[in-house]
Amino acid sequence: MSLFAVFIVLISAVIHSAWNLLGKAKSSTPAFFCLASLGAALIMSPFLVWMTYFASQNALVIPNTFWQLLIFSGFFQMIYMAGLARAYQNSDVGVVYPIARALPVLMVAGLSTLIVGHSMPLLAWVGMIIVTLGCLLVPLTTLKNWHWRQYKNKGCLWALIAAFGTAGYSVIDKEALNLLHTSYQNQLPSPFLAIYFLGLQFSTTGLWLALGLCWPSYRQEMRFSWQYRKSALLAGIMMGVTYGMVLYAMTLTENVSYVVALRQASIPIGVLLAVLILKEKWYLTRIAGAGIIFTGLVFTTI
């Protein structure tokens, strides 16, 4: 990865931890993230229309494979946001955030190696194993009387589901962006294509989340979250900025695993902000786990 790509991803990590705290503090429901996604898509709609017009005027054809990947990307984004919301309903940011952010590193590395065919050096794999060990520490309040049942709770389960969603869309998005670059034949700069894909992804994710309106309980959550619509819109904007930067960074590096790994610098930032802003309890195991995860990320990105 270039130093410029590293800088972009690190800035996005700070913004990412901030919108997670906003979601936890205001309305931790899938409905909140549905409003955030659709709000961000609405703001970006003029740009989406312009990009579509540009493609038609220049006889550019986007293959059906891209649209299929977009649908699956939105589906995995829905899994991520719904899982994250449910996890925050059952546990602290200091527990959920490190798990949901760090586990995708190993998942994406495995998927990239098996499906896409990327290879990674031994040091990177060592770093990812260290990250996993750190994830095992953060749910604990103490090392005394350790038992595997300490991980058997709704917060950890939903965080794991959120991590699965992140792994899924991260691998898909890289391939979708490659198709988009090919379709536009380098007639537009990479940031334009990244923003275009982001707007489409927000639209798809919001629609997937909106399917929950079929359930009466979800409609109640939507009415509850509507009172926080301004916060949801702000969260959506922050989500757009942070992931737009990540998508752009993906266009600057060949192996998406490195981008996903470096994004996890947001873990110690998120844990610290949760203690300082949300006044969550400070546990040595939680801080140590975040530190171990960060150490693993250093190994991975070297």
Protein backbone atom coordinates (compact mmCIF):
# COMPACT_ATOMS: atom_id res chain seq x y z
CA MET A 1 0.00 0.00 0.00
CA SER A 2 1.17 3.52 -0.73
CA LEU A 3 1.57 6.04 2.09
CA PHE A 4 -1.26 8.09 0.60
CA ALA A 5 -3.60 5.08 0.73
CA VAL A 6 -2.54 4.42 4.35
CA PHE A 7 -3.30 8.06 5.27
CA ILE A 8 -6.77 7.89 3.66
CA VAL A 9 -7.68 4.70 5.50
CA LEU A 10 -6.48 6.04 8.87
CA ILE A 11 -8.60 9.19 8.55
CA SER A 12 -11.59 7.04 7.63
CA ALA A 13 -10.97 4.93 10.74
CA VAL A 14 -11.43 7.96 12.99
CA ILE A 15 -14.69 8.94 11.29
CA HIS A 16 -15.91 5.33 11.43
CA SER A 17 -15.50 5.08 15.19
CA ALA A 18 -17.32 8.41 15.56
CA TRP A 19 -20.48 7.35 13.68
CA ASN A 20 -20.59 4.09 15.64
CA LEU A 21 -20.71 6.08 18.87
CA LEU A 22 -23.44 8.26 17.40
CA GLY A 23 -25.53 5.22 16.51
CA LYS A 24 -25.06 3.68 19.94
CA ALA A 25 -25.89 6.91 21.76
CA LYS A 26 -29.03 7.82 19.79
CA SER A 27 -30.96 4.84 18.46
CA SER A 28 -29.28 1.48 18.09
CA THR A 29 -31.78 -0.17 15.75
CA PRO A 30 -31.67 -1.45 12.15
CA ALA A 31 -34.34 1.18 11.41
CA PHE A 32 -31.89 3.94 12.42
CA PHE A 33 -29.31 2.64 9.94
CA CYS A 34 -32.03 2.26 7.31
CA LEU A 35 -32.76 5.98 7.64
CA ALA A 36 -29.03 6.73 7.60
CA SER A 37 -28.48 4.73 4.40
CA LEU A 38 -31.48 6.12 2.52
CA GLY A 39 -30.65 9.66 3.69
CA ALA A 40 -27.09 9.38 2.39
CA ALA A 41 -28.37 7.93 -0.90
CA LEU A 42 -30.80 10.84 -1.26
CA ILE A 43 -28.01 13.40 -0.76
CA MET A 44 -25.89 11.64 -3.39
CA SER A 45 -28.74 11.17 -5.88
CA PRO A 46 -27.84 14.20 -8.09
CA PHE A 47 -24.37 12.75 -8.58
CA LEU A 48 -25.82 9.32 -9.38
CA VAL A 49 -28.06 10.88 -12.04
CA TRP A 50 -25.12 12.75 -13.55
CA MET A 51 -22.98 9.58 -13.67
CA THR A 52 -25.79 7.69 -15.38
CA TYR A 53 -26.17 10.52 -17.91
CA PHE A 54 -22.40 10.54 -18.52
CA ALA A 55 -22.45 6.80 -19.22
CA SER A 56 -25.33 7.12 -21.67
CA GLN A 57 -23.73 10.03 -23.52
CA ASN A 58 -20.47 8.16 -23.94
CA ALA A 59 -22.06 4.83 -24.85
CA LEU A 60 -20.61 3.14 -21.77
CA VAL A 61 -22.21 -0.16 -20.84
CA ILE A 62 -22.03 -1.51 -17.29
CA PRO A 63 -22.25 -5.33 -17.35
CA ASN A 64 -25.03 -7.22 -15.58
CA THR A 65 -22.40 -8.83 -13.34
CA PHE A 66 -21.79 -5.47 -11.71
CA TRP A 67 -25.45 -5.04 -10.79
CA GLN A 68 -25.55 -8.55 -9.38
CA LEU A 69 -22.51 -7.80 -7.24
CA LEU A 70 -24.16 -4.55 -6.11
CA ILE A 71 -27.24 -6.43 -4.89
CA PHE A 72 -25.10 -8.87 -2.93
CA SER A 73 -22.97 -6.04 -1.55
CA GLY A 74 -26.08 -4.28 -0.26
CA PHE A 75 -27.29 -7.53 1.26
CA PHE A 76 -24.05 -8.02 3.21
CA GLN A 77 -24.11 -4.34 4.23
CA MET A 78 -27.61 -4.94 5.58
CA ILE A 79 -26.34 -7.91 7.59
CA TYR A 80 -23.52 -5.76 8.94
CA MET A 81 -25.70 -2.82 9.98
CA ALA A 82 -28.53 -4.93 11.40
CA GLY A 83 -26.03 -7.09 13.31
CA LEU A 84 -24.22 -4.03 14.61
CA ALA A 85 -27.46 -2.41 15.79
CA ARG A 86 -28.61 -5.54 17.62
CA ALA A 87 -25.16 -6.01 19.15
CA TYR A 88 -25.19 -2.46 20.55
CA GLN A 89 -28.61 -3.15 22.06
CA ASN A 90 -27.08 -5.99 24.07
CA SER A 91 -23.54 -4.85 24.85
CA ASP A 92 -21.10 -1.93 25.08
CA VAL A 93 -19.23 -0.36 22.21
CA GLY A 94 -16.01 -1.49 23.93
CA VAL A 95 -17.07 -5.12 23.42
CA VAL A 96 -18.93 -5.03 20.12
CA TYR A 97 -16.74 -2.66 18.14
CA PRO A 98 -13.43 -4.57 18.41
CA ILE A 99 -15.10 -7.89 17.50
CA ALA A 100 -17.13 -6.51 14.60
CA ARG A 101 -14.11 -4.64 13.23
CA ALA A 102 -11.28 -7.12 13.78
CA LEU A 103 -12.72 -10.52 12.87
CA PRO A 104 -13.34 -9.51 9.23
CA VAL A 105 -9.56 -9.24 8.83
CA LEU A 106 -9.20 -13.02 9.05
CA MET A 107 -12.43 -13.62 7.14
CA VAL A 108 -11.43 -11.37 4.25
CA ALA A 109 -7.92 -12.78 4.17
CA GLY A 110 -9.34 -16.29 3.87
CA LEU A 111 -11.90 -15.33 1.24
CA SER A 112 -9.35 -13.36 -0.78
CA THR A 113 -6.94 -16.27 -0.71
CA LEU A 114 -9.46 -18.99 -1.54
CA ILE A 115 -11.75 -17.15 -3.98
CA VAL A 116 -9.80 -14.31 -5.55
CA GLY A 117 -6.41 -16.02 -5.42
CA HIS A 118 -4.44 -13.39 -3.53
CA SER A 119 -1.42 -14.49 -1.51
CA MET A 120 -0.22 -13.04 1.77
CA PRO A 121 3.15 -13.27 3.55
CA LEU A 122 3.61 -15.20 6.79
CA LEU A 123 4.02 -12.01 8.84
CA ALA A 124 0.58 -10.83 7.76
CA TRP A 125 -1.00 -14.11 8.86
CA VAL A 126 0.80 -13.88 12.22
CA GLY A 127 -0.61 -10.40 12.69
CA MET A 128 -4.12 -11.59 11.91
CA ILE A 129 -3.85 -14.40 14.46
CA ILE A 130 -2.75 -11.82 17.05
CA VAL A 131 -5.82 -9.76 16.12
CA THR A 132 -8.03 -12.77 16.77
CA LEU A 133 -6.46 -13.32 20.20
CA GLY A 134 -7.18 -9.70 21.06
CA CYS A 135 -10.81 -10.23 20.08
CA LEU A 136 -11.03 -13.03 22.63
CA LEU A 137 -10.00 -10.61 25.39
CA VAL A 138 -12.35 -7.68 24.83
CA PRO A 139 -15.60 -9.37 25.98
CA LEU A 140 -14.01 -10.30 29.32
CA THR A 141 -14.24 -8.19 32.46
CA THR A 142 -11.53 -10.24 34.20
CA LEU A 143 -9.27 -13.20 33.44
CA LYS A 144 -10.23 -14.87 36.70
CA ASN A 145 -12.66 -17.76 36.42
CA TRP A 146 -12.46 -17.67 32.64
CA HIS A 147 -15.01 -19.84 30.87
CA TRP A 148 -16.08 -20.16 27.25
CA ARG A 149 -19.64 -19.30 28.30
CA GLN A 150 -18.46 -15.69 28.75
CA TYR A 151 -18.62 -15.44 24.96
CA LYS A 152 -22.08 -17.00 24.85
CA ASN A 153 -24.17 -13.83 24.84
CA LYS A 154 -26.25 -11.87 22.35
CA GLY A 155 -23.75 -9.04 22.11
CA CYS A 156 -20.93 -11.31 20.90
CA LEU A 157 -23.27 -13.27 18.61
CA TRP A 158 -24.58 -10.18 16.84
CA ALA A 159 -21.06 -8.73 16.64
CA LEU A 160 -19.97 -11.95 14.90
CA ILE A 161 -22.85 -11.60 12.44
CA ALA A 162 -21.83 -7.99 11.78
CA ALA A 163 -18.25 -9.14 11.15
CA PHE A 164 -19.52 -11.71 8.64
CA GLY A 165 -21.38 -8.95 6.81
CA THR A 166 -18.25 -6.78 6.67
CA ALA A 167 -16.18 -9.64 5.26
CA GLY A 168 -18.80 -10.30 2.60
CA TYR A 169 -19.18 -6.79 1.23
CA SER A 170 -15.44 -6.03 1.43
CA VAL A 171 -14.53 -8.83 -0.98
CA ILE A 172 -17.49 -8.10 -3.30
CA ASP A 173 -16.89 -4.35 -3.43
CA LYS A 174 -13.33 -4.72 -4.70
CA GLU A 175 -14.50 -6.85 -7.63
CA ALA A 176 -17.43 -4.53 -8.35
CA LEU A 177 -15.11 -1.51 -8.45
CA ASN A 178 -12.84 -3.31 -10.90
CA LEU A 179 -15.81 -3.87 -13.21
CA LEU A 180 -16.82 -0.22 -12.86
CA HIS A 181 -13.32 0.92 -13.83
CA THR A 182 -13.40 -1.33 -16.87
CA SER A 183 -16.86 -0.08 -17.88
CA TYR A 184 -15.90 3.60 -17.69
CA GLN A 185 -12.64 2.90 -19.53
CA ASN A 186 -10.64 5.32 -17.36
CA GLN A 187 -12.73 8.26 -18.62
CA LEU A 188 -13.33 9.42 -15.04
CA PRO A 189 -10.96 9.56 -12.03
CA SER A 190 -11.10 6.86 -9.36
CA PRO A 191 -12.76 9.08 -6.69
CA PHE A 192 -15.73 9.65 -9.02
CA LEU A 193 -16.22 5.93 -9.50
CA ALA A 194 -15.84 5.26 -5.77
CA ILE A 195 -18.50 7.86 -4.91
CA TYR A 196 -20.81 6.53 -7.63
CA PHE A 197 -20.57 3.00 -6.31
CA LEU A 198 -21.03 4.24 -2.75
CA GLY A 199 -24.26 6.00 -3.66
CA LEU A 200 -25.58 2.90 -5.38
CA GLN A 201 -24.56 0.77 -2.41
CA PHE A 202 -26.32 3.04 0.08
CA SER A 203 -29.48 2.84 -2.02
CA THR A 204 -29.34 -0.95 -2.17
CA THR A 205 -28.51 -1.30 1.53
CA GLY A 206 -31.33 1.03 2.53
CA LEU A 207 -33.81 -0.95 0.44
CA TRP A 208 -32.65 -4.24 1.96
CA LEU A 209 -33.08 -2.78 5.45
CA ALA A 210 -36.47 -1.34 4.48
CA LEU A 211 -37.72 -4.88 3.83
CA GLY A 212 -37.95 -5.16 7.61
CA LEU A 213 -41.04 -2.94 7.41
CA CYS A 214 -42.96 -6.13 6.61
CA TRP A 215 -42.74 -6.92 10.34
CA PRO A 216 -44.94 -4.87 12.74
CA SER A 217 -42.21 -4.71 15.39
CA TYR A 218 -39.82 -3.18 12.85
CA ARG A 219 -42.38 -0.52 11.95
CA GLN A 220 -42.47 0.43 15.63
CA GLU A 221 -38.67 0.73 15.59
CA MET A 222 -38.90 2.93 12.51
CA ARG A 223 -41.34 5.28 14.23
CA PHE A 224 -39.04 5.41 17.25
CA SER A 225 -35.95 6.05 15.10
CA TRP A 226 -37.71 8.76 13.09
CA GLN A 227 -37.37 11.16 16.01
CA TYR A 228 -33.60 10.79 15.57
CA ARG A 229 -33.73 11.35 11.80
CA LYS A 230 -31.30 14.27 11.95
CA SER A 231 -28.77 12.13 13.82
CA ALA A 232 -29.42 9.32 11.34
CA LEU A 233 -28.72 11.66 8.43
CA LEU A 234 -25.50 12.83 10.10
CA ALA A 235 -24.51 9.20 10.66
CA GLY A 236 -25.27 8.46 7.02
CA ILE A 237 -23.05 11.32 5.86
CA MET A 238 -20.23 10.13 8.10
CA MET A 239 -20.70 6.56 6.83
CA GLY A 240 -20.53 7.86 3.28
CA VAL A 241 -17.37 9.86 3.88
CA THR A 242 -15.53 7.07 5.69
CA TYR A 243 -16.42 4.27 3.29
CA GLY A 244 -15.95 6.49 0.26
CA MET A 245 -12.38 7.00 1.41
CA VAL A 246 -11.98 3.25 1.87
CA LEU A 247 -13.35 2.50 -1.60
CA TYR A 248 -10.92 5.01 -3.08
CA ALA A 249 -8.07 3.35 -1.16
CA MET A 250 -9.16 -0.01 -2.63
CA THR A 251 -8.53 1.39 -6.09
CA LEU A 252 -4.96 2.22 -5.05
CA THR A 253 -3.99 -1.24 -3.82
CA GLU A 254 -4.18 -4.70 -5.35
CA ASN A 255 -4.97 -6.76 -2.25
CA VAL A 256 -8.13 -5.62 -0.42
CA SER A 257 -7.05 -7.53 2.71
CA TYR A 258 -4.51 -4.83 3.55
CA VAL A 259 -7.13 -2.09 3.36
CA VAL A 260 -9.52 -4.04 5.60
CA ALA A 261 -6.74 -4.72 8.08
CA LEU A 262 -5.56 -1.11 8.31
CA ARG A 263 -9.13 0.10 8.87
CA GLN A 264 -9.02 -1.67 12.22
CA ALA A 265 -6.92 1.16 13.62
CA SER A 266 -10.36 2.48 14.54
CA ILE A 267 -10.59 -0.19 17.27
CA PRO A 268 -8.43 1.46 19.97
CA ILE A 269 -9.91 4.82 18.95
CA GLY A 270 -13.46 3.50 19.34
CA VAL A 271 -12.76 1.85 22.70
CA LEU A 272 -11.16 5.04 24.05
CA LEU A 273 -14.01 7.27 22.82
CA ALA A 274 -16.59 4.90 24.33
CA VAL A 275 -14.94 5.31 27.74
CA LEU A 276 -14.52 9.07 27.46
CA ILE A 277 -17.80 10.04 25.77
CA LEU A 278 -20.30 7.28 26.55
CA LYS A 279 -18.83 6.70 30.03
CA GLU A 280 -18.58 2.96 29.52
CA LYS A 281 -16.77 0.99 32.20
CA TRP A 282 -13.02 0.72 31.93
CA TYR A 283 -11.71 -2.86 32.09
CA LEU A 284 -8.07 -3.85 31.84
CA THR A 285 -8.95 -6.84 29.66
CA ARG A 286 -10.85 -4.61 27.23
CA ILE A 287 -7.99 -2.11 26.92
CA ALA A 288 -5.42 -4.91 26.65
CA GLY A 289 -7.50 -6.64 23.98
CA ALA A 290 -7.70 -3.44 21.93
CA GLY A 291 -3.93 -2.99 22.32
CA ILE A 292 -3.23 -6.57 21.19
CA ILE A 293 -5.51 -6.07 18.18
CA PHE A 294 -3.63 -2.91 17.25
CA THR A 295 -0.31 -4.77 17.57
CA GLY A 296 -1.61 -7.46 15.25
CA LEU A 297 -2.58 -4.78 12.75
CA VAL A 298 0.96 -3.40 12.78
CA PHE A 299 2.28 -6.87 11.86
CA THR A 300 -0.34 -7.19 9.15
CA THR A 301 0.29 -3.84 7.48
CA ILE A 302 4.09 -4.16 7.58
